[in-house]
């Protein structure tokens, strides 16, 4: 799936399955609402939304980044190797007014199914704590430093792995019979 292929598809006018209304009772009043304010949790839910086109485009951008960095190859399912699943994580980035600035789709492995010592040896994800960021910002303000925010696109894809990980092809990607990544 590429961004161009997604953009060639039908856009906003395409029919979508809308999530079932949720019944809520407040006192004597019973109402049915559908909340589209939260980000979708599953691929199926994202594709059922009126903005599915935007989610497909975000997924295509993520897969193009994987392809550009040569992070996967399609291979036959190897014997005696564990194959992990994967899922899409969807997130809308909002501007200061709460308007959608962009749609992000991140492909993650379901690492909980991996076995230590077989599928991997050690894990460490260097993530800055919020208290550290607040301290640094306070220090910058005190010393009147210029502060700039940026987003390192697909930064997590730059890490090196010592182990080979075999993963199922994600929902929405082109599948070839019997092959995995």
Protein backbone atom coordinates (compact mmCIF):
# COMPACT_ATOMS: atom_id res chain seq x y z
CA UNK A 1 0.00 0.00 0.00
CA UNK A 2 1.42 3.39 -1.00
CA UNK A 3 0.15 6.90 -0.37
CA UNK A 4 -0.60 7.26 -4.10
CA UNK A 5 -2.72 4.08 -4.09
CA UNK A 6 -4.67 5.36 -1.10
CA UNK A 7 -5.20 8.79 -2.65
CA UNK A 8 -6.56 7.13 -5.81
CA UNK A 9 -9.27 5.43 -3.74
CA UNK A 10 -12.67 6.89 -3.06
CA UNK A 11 -12.56 9.72 -0.60
CA UNK A 12 -15.06 11.28 1.80
CA UNK A 13 -18.16 10.11 -0.07
CA UNK A 14 -17.49 6.42 0.32
CA UNK A 15 -19.89 4.40 2.42
CA UNK A 16 -18.66 3.46 5.86
CA UNK A 17 -19.99 1.25 8.59
CA UNK A 18 -20.53 3.57 11.57
CA UNK A 19 -19.93 2.13 15.06
CA UNK A 20 -23.04 0.98 16.88
CA UNK A 21 -24.62 3.62 19.14
CA UNK A 22 -23.95 3.26 22.84
CA UNK A 23 -26.98 3.50 25.09
CA UNK A 24 -26.51 5.71 28.14
CA UNK A 25 -28.99 6.44 30.93
CA UNK A 26 -28.96 9.65 32.94
CA UNK A 27 -31.88 9.80 35.33
CA UNK A 28 -35.05 9.23 33.29
CA UNK A 29 -33.40 10.15 30.01
CA UNK A 30 -31.94 7.45 27.79
CA UNK A 31 -29.87 8.55 24.85
CA UNK A 32 -27.84 6.80 22.21
CA UNK A 33 -24.55 8.31 21.17
CA UNK A 34 -21.59 7.37 19.04
CA UNK A 35 -18.30 8.85 20.15
CA UNK A 36 -15.94 9.65 17.31
CA UNK A 37 -13.90 11.96 19.56
CA UNK A 38 -11.54 9.20 20.61
CA UNK A 39 -8.97 7.60 18.36
CA UNK A 40 -9.84 4.17 16.95
CA UNK A 41 -8.45 1.21 18.86
CA UNK A 42 -8.50 -1.41 16.10
CA UNK A 43 -7.90 -1.52 12.36
CA UNK A 44 -11.52 -2.55 11.80
CA UNK A 45 -12.76 0.40 13.83
CA UNK A 46 -10.53 2.85 11.92
CA UNK A 47 -11.79 1.53 8.58
CA UNK A 48 -15.41 1.90 9.73
CA UNK A 49 -14.96 5.60 10.50
CA UNK A 50 -16.01 8.41 8.14
CA UNK A 51 -12.33 9.49 8.10
CA UNK A 52 -11.06 6.02 7.10
CA UNK A 53 -9.37 7.58 4.06
CA UNK A 54 -7.11 9.62 6.38
CA UNK A 55 -6.25 6.54 8.44
CA UNK A 56 -5.42 4.53 5.29
CA UNK A 57 -3.18 7.36 4.12
CA UNK A 58 -1.36 7.42 7.50
CA UNK A 59 -0.91 3.63 7.32
CA UNK A 60 0.50 3.91 3.80
CA UNK A 61 3.00 6.55 4.97
CA UNK A 62 4.14 4.26 7.80
CA UNK A 63 4.56 1.28 5.45
CA UNK A 64 6.45 3.45 2.95
CA UNK A 65 8.84 4.43 5.75
CA UNK A 66 9.36 0.73 6.56
CA UNK A 67 10.07 0.05 2.88
CA UNK A 68 12.40 3.04 2.52
CA UNK A 69 14.46 1.90 5.52
CA UNK A 70 14.40 -1.72 4.26
CA UNK A 71 13.05 -3.00 7.57
CA UNK A 72 11.31 -6.07 6.26
CA UNK A 73 11.29 -8.62 3.51
CA UNK A 74 8.56 -11.07 2.67
CA UNK A 75 9.68 -14.61 3.46
CA UNK A 76 8.15 -18.05 3.71
CA UNK A 77 7.12 -18.89 7.26
CA UNK A 78 10.20 -20.58 8.78
CA UNK A 79 9.86 -23.80 10.74
CA UNK A 80 10.84 -23.72 14.42
CA UNK A 81 10.52 -19.93 14.64
CA UNK A 82 7.89 -18.01 16.52
CA UNK A 83 5.87 -15.54 14.43
CA UNK A 84 4.59 -12.50 16.33
CA UNK A 85 1.42 -10.67 15.49
CA UNK A 86 1.13 -6.95 14.97
CA UNK A 87 -1.42 -4.21 15.26
CA UNK A 88 -1.96 -0.64 14.21
CA UNK A 89 -1.96 2.15 16.79
CA UNK A 90 -3.92 5.18 15.61
CA UNK A 91 -3.45 8.70 16.94
CA UNK A 92 -4.69 12.10 15.81
CA UNK A 93 -2.36 15.03 16.43
CA UNK A 94 -4.34 18.12 17.43
CA UNK A 95 -3.35 21.76 17.14
CA UNK A 96 -3.78 24.34 19.90
CA UNK A 97 -7.45 24.83 18.94
CA UNK A 98 -8.23 21.12 19.16
CA UNK A 99 -8.47 20.72 15.38
CA UNK A 100 -6.94 17.65 13.74
CA UNK A 101 -3.49 18.57 12.46
CA UNK A 102 -2.56 15.13 11.15
CA UNK A 103 -3.39 11.44 11.41
CA UNK A 104 -0.69 9.03 12.57
CA UNK A 105 -0.68 5.25 12.26
CA UNK A 106 2.08 3.29 13.94
CA UNK A 107 2.66 -0.40 13.32
CA UNK A 108 3.70 -2.28 16.46
CA UNK A 109 4.51 -5.91 17.11
CA UNK A 110 2.62 -7.79 19.76
CA UNK A 111 5.78 -8.35 21.75
CA UNK A 112 3.88 -9.85 24.67
CA UNK A 113 3.86 -13.12 22.72
CA UNK A 114 7.65 -13.28 22.55
CA UNK A 115 9.65 -15.56 24.84
CA UNK A 116 12.77 -14.19 26.56
CA UNK A 117 15.90 -16.10 25.62
CA UNK A 118 14.27 -17.47 22.47
CA UNK A 119 12.82 -14.47 20.63
CA UNK A 120 14.96 -11.82 22.37
CA UNK A 121 17.67 -11.48 25.00
CA UNK A 122 17.21 -8.07 26.54
CA UNK A 123 14.93 -5.09 26.16
CA UNK A 124 15.56 -1.47 26.93
CA UNK A 125 13.70 1.53 25.58
CA UNK A 126 15.36 4.83 26.47
CA UNK A 127 12.41 7.12 27.12
CA UNK A 128 12.67 10.46 28.87
CA UNK A 129 10.56 10.89 31.99
CA UNK A 130 8.12 13.81 32.08
CA UNK A 131 9.79 15.15 35.25
CA UNK A 132 13.10 15.38 33.38
CA UNK A 133 11.49 17.30 30.52
CA UNK A 134 9.78 19.70 32.96
CA UNK A 135 13.07 20.29 34.77
CA UNK A 136 14.87 20.98 31.50
CA UNK A 137 12.11 23.39 30.38
CA UNK A 138 12.23 25.23 33.72
CA UNK A 139 16.01 25.54 33.37
CA UNK A 140 15.61 26.86 29.80
CA UNK A 141 13.05 29.45 30.91
CA UNK A 142 15.26 30.59 33.80
CA UNK A 143 18.21 31.09 31.44
CA UNK A 144 16.02 32.53 28.64
CA UNK A 145 17.01 29.85 26.16
CA UNK A 146 15.18 29.44 22.88
CA UNK A 147 12.89 26.36 22.97
CA UNK A 148 11.91 24.53 19.80
CA UNK A 149 9.65 21.52 19.44
CA UNK A 150 10.04 18.98 16.66
CA UNK A 151 8.81 15.54 15.70
CA UNK A 152 11.40 12.99 14.61
CA UNK A 153 9.35 11.02 12.11
CA UNK A 154 9.70 7.25 12.53
CA UNK A 155 12.61 7.73 14.97
CA UNK A 156 11.97 4.38 16.64
CA UNK A 157 12.70 2.60 13.34
CA UNK A 158 16.39 3.51 13.58
CA UNK A 159 17.26 1.01 16.32
CA UNK A 160 19.23 -2.13 15.53
CA UNK A 161 18.10 -5.62 16.54
CA UNK A 162 20.42 -8.54 17.14
CA UNK A 163 17.63 -11.09 16.73
CA UNK A 164 15.50 -11.87 13.71
CA UNK A 165 11.83 -11.22 14.32
CA UNK A 166 9.22 -12.83 12.12
CA UNK A 167 5.92 -10.96 12.01
CA UNK A 168 2.53 -11.55 10.44
CA UNK A 169 1.65 -9.15 7.64
CA UNK A 170 -0.40 -6.29 9.11
CA UNK A 171 -4.07 -5.69 8.35
CA UNK A 172 -4.45 -3.45 5.31
CA UNK A 173 -1.10 -4.41 3.74
CA UNK A 174 -0.90 -6.48 0.57
CA UNK A 175 -0.59 -10.14 1.46
CA UNK A 176 1.10 -12.83 -0.58
CA UNK A 177 -0.08 -16.36 0.18
CA UNK A 178 1.99 -18.05 2.85
CA UNK A 179 4.47 -15.21 3.30
CA UNK A 180 5.26 -13.22 6.42
CA UNK A 181 7.64 -10.36 7.21
